[in-house]
């Protein structure tokens, strides 16, 4: 599969993931703005996973070797924090992202998004 097709498939799967999280994790994770909001946030998630995550993975590689999965969770939380920060800059009529539930909500969202990203990276 070509790189552009892989990127489009990854984007489409991210849209589906966000819709599923909106439905089944709505008390902790909500993307507002209807389809426009989901598409905007999915585009941002895809860009962060393609451009920022590899840099974070490279920088944190020594820590990953020493601590195992703890640093992987920290990288997922940083990506989620970046996502939440950038979506606050969006016009609220276009897209909003709400993360609630305290640390539990953030960790659960980071685990779901991180696991989905890992599966997409390994299979696409």
Protein backbone atom coordinates (compact mmCIF):
# COMPACT_ATOMS: atom_id res chain seq x y z
CA UNK A 1 0.00 0.00 0.00
CA UNK A 2 1.35 3.44 -0.90
CA UNK A 3 2.18 5.97 1.80
CA UNK A 4 -0.68 8.39 0.90
CA UNK A 5 -3.20 5.53 0.94
CA UNK A 6 -1.83 4.34 4.28
CA UNK A 7 -2.22 7.85 5.68
CA UNK A 8 -5.81 8.13 4.40
CA UNK A 9 -6.69 4.74 5.88
CA UNK A 10 -5.12 5.75 9.19
CA UNK A 11 -7.20 8.95 9.13
CA UNK A 12 -10.42 7.03 8.37
CA UNK A 13 -9.71 4.58 11.19
CA UNK A 14 -9.06 7.50 13.55
CA UNK A 15 -12.44 9.01 12.61
CA UNK A 16 -14.08 5.66 13.43
CA UNK A 17 -12.14 5.44 16.72
CA UNK A 18 -13.19 8.94 17.78
CA UNK A 19 -16.83 8.17 16.97
CA UNK A 20 -16.60 4.98 19.05
CA UNK A 21 -14.96 6.83 21.95
CA UNK A 22 -17.66 9.52 21.72
CA UNK A 23 -20.32 6.84 22.03
CA UNK A 24 -18.87 4.49 24.65
CA UNK A 25 -16.68 6.84 26.68
CA UNK A 26 -18.92 9.91 26.54
CA UNK A 27 -18.71 10.54 30.29
CA UNK A 28 -14.94 11.07 29.92
CA UNK A 29 -14.22 11.83 26.26
CA UNK A 30 -16.35 13.97 23.96
CA UNK A 31 -15.66 15.57 20.59
CA UNK A 32 -18.13 18.34 19.84
CA UNK A 33 -19.00 19.96 16.55
CA UNK A 34 -20.65 16.98 14.87
CA UNK A 35 -18.94 15.44 11.84
CA UNK A 36 -16.86 18.57 11.28
CA UNK A 37 -15.47 18.34 14.80
CA UNK A 38 -14.70 14.64 14.53
CA UNK A 39 -12.96 15.12 11.17
CA UNK A 40 -10.95 18.11 12.47
CA UNK A 41 -9.85 16.27 15.62
CA UNK A 42 -9.09 13.09 13.64
CA UNK A 43 -6.91 15.09 11.25
CA UNK A 44 -5.05 16.55 14.22
CA UNK A 45 -4.63 13.13 15.86
CA UNK A 46 -3.30 11.70 12.60
CA UNK A 47 -0.83 14.57 12.15
CA UNK A 48 0.38 14.31 15.75
CA UNK A 49 0.86 10.56 15.41
CA UNK A 50 2.71 10.89 12.10
CA UNK A 51 4.85 13.96 12.84
CA UNK A 52 5.25 14.42 16.61
CA UNK A 53 5.12 10.86 17.99
CA UNK A 54 8.25 9.65 16.12
CA UNK A 55 10.23 12.56 17.59
CA UNK A 56 8.93 11.85 21.09
CA UNK A 57 9.70 8.16 20.63
CA UNK A 58 13.28 8.98 19.62
CA UNK A 59 13.84 11.41 22.49
CA UNK A 60 12.40 9.02 25.08
CA UNK A 61 14.08 5.86 23.77
CA UNK A 62 16.67 5.64 26.58
CA UNK A 63 13.94 6.06 29.18
CA UNK A 64 11.82 3.39 27.48
CA UNK A 65 14.69 0.95 27.72
CA UNK A 66 15.03 1.64 31.45
CA UNK A 67 11.38 1.87 32.49
CA UNK A 68 9.44 -0.20 29.98
CA UNK A 69 5.84 0.81 29.43
CA UNK A 70 5.69 3.74 31.84
CA UNK A 71 7.34 6.11 29.37
CA UNK A 72 5.08 4.86 26.57
CA UNK A 73 2.09 5.95 28.67
CA UNK A 74 3.77 9.32 29.28
CA UNK A 75 4.24 9.80 25.51
CA UNK A 76 0.55 8.96 24.97
CA UNK A 77 -0.43 11.51 27.62
CA UNK A 78 1.77 14.18 25.98
CA UNK A 79 0.11 13.51 22.61
CA UNK A 80 -3.32 13.73 24.27
CA UNK A 81 -2.36 16.98 26.04
CA UNK A 82 -1.16 18.46 22.73
CA UNK A 83 -4.42 17.38 21.11
CA UNK A 84 -6.50 18.97 23.86
CA UNK A 85 -4.42 22.17 23.79
CA UNK A 86 -4.66 22.65 20.03
CA UNK A 87 -8.40 21.90 19.90
CA UNK A 88 -8.95 24.71 22.42
CA UNK A 89 -7.65 27.06 19.70
CA UNK A 90 -10.35 25.88 17.26
CA UNK A 91 -13.56 27.83 16.85
CA UNK A 92 -16.04 26.08 19.21
CA UNK A 93 -18.54 25.87 16.34
CA UNK A 94 -16.07 23.73 14.38
CA UNK A 95 -14.69 21.37 17.01
CA UNK A 96 -14.33 20.90 20.75
CA UNK A 97 -12.64 18.19 22.76
CA UNK A 98 -13.67 17.54 26.34
CA UNK A 99 -11.71 15.22 28.62
CA UNK A 100 -13.28 14.62 32.01
CA UNK A 101 -13.01 12.06 34.77
CA UNK A 102 -9.75 13.39 36.16
CA UNK A 103 -6.65 11.23 35.92
CA UNK A 104 -8.77 8.14 35.23
CA UNK A 105 -10.35 9.76 32.17
CA UNK A 106 -7.02 10.99 30.81
CA UNK A 107 -5.37 7.61 31.35
CA UNK A 108 -8.21 5.70 29.74
CA UNK A 109 -8.26 8.01 26.70
CA UNK A 110 -4.45 7.78 26.42
CA UNK A 111 -4.58 3.97 26.60
CA UNK A 112 -7.32 3.71 23.95
CA UNK A 113 -5.70 6.21 21.57
CA UNK A 114 -2.20 4.83 22.17
CA UNK A 115 -3.26 1.23 21.64
CA UNK A 116 -5.16 2.11 18.47
CA UNK A 117 -2.16 4.07 17.17
CA UNK A 118 0.15 1.13 17.88
CA UNK A 119 -2.18 -1.31 16.09
CA UNK A 120 -2.43 1.00 13.07
CA UNK A 121 1.35 1.50 13.00
CA UNK A 122 2.03 -2.24 13.12
CA UNK A 123 -0.62 -3.31 10.62
CA UNK A 124 -0.61 -0.54 8.00
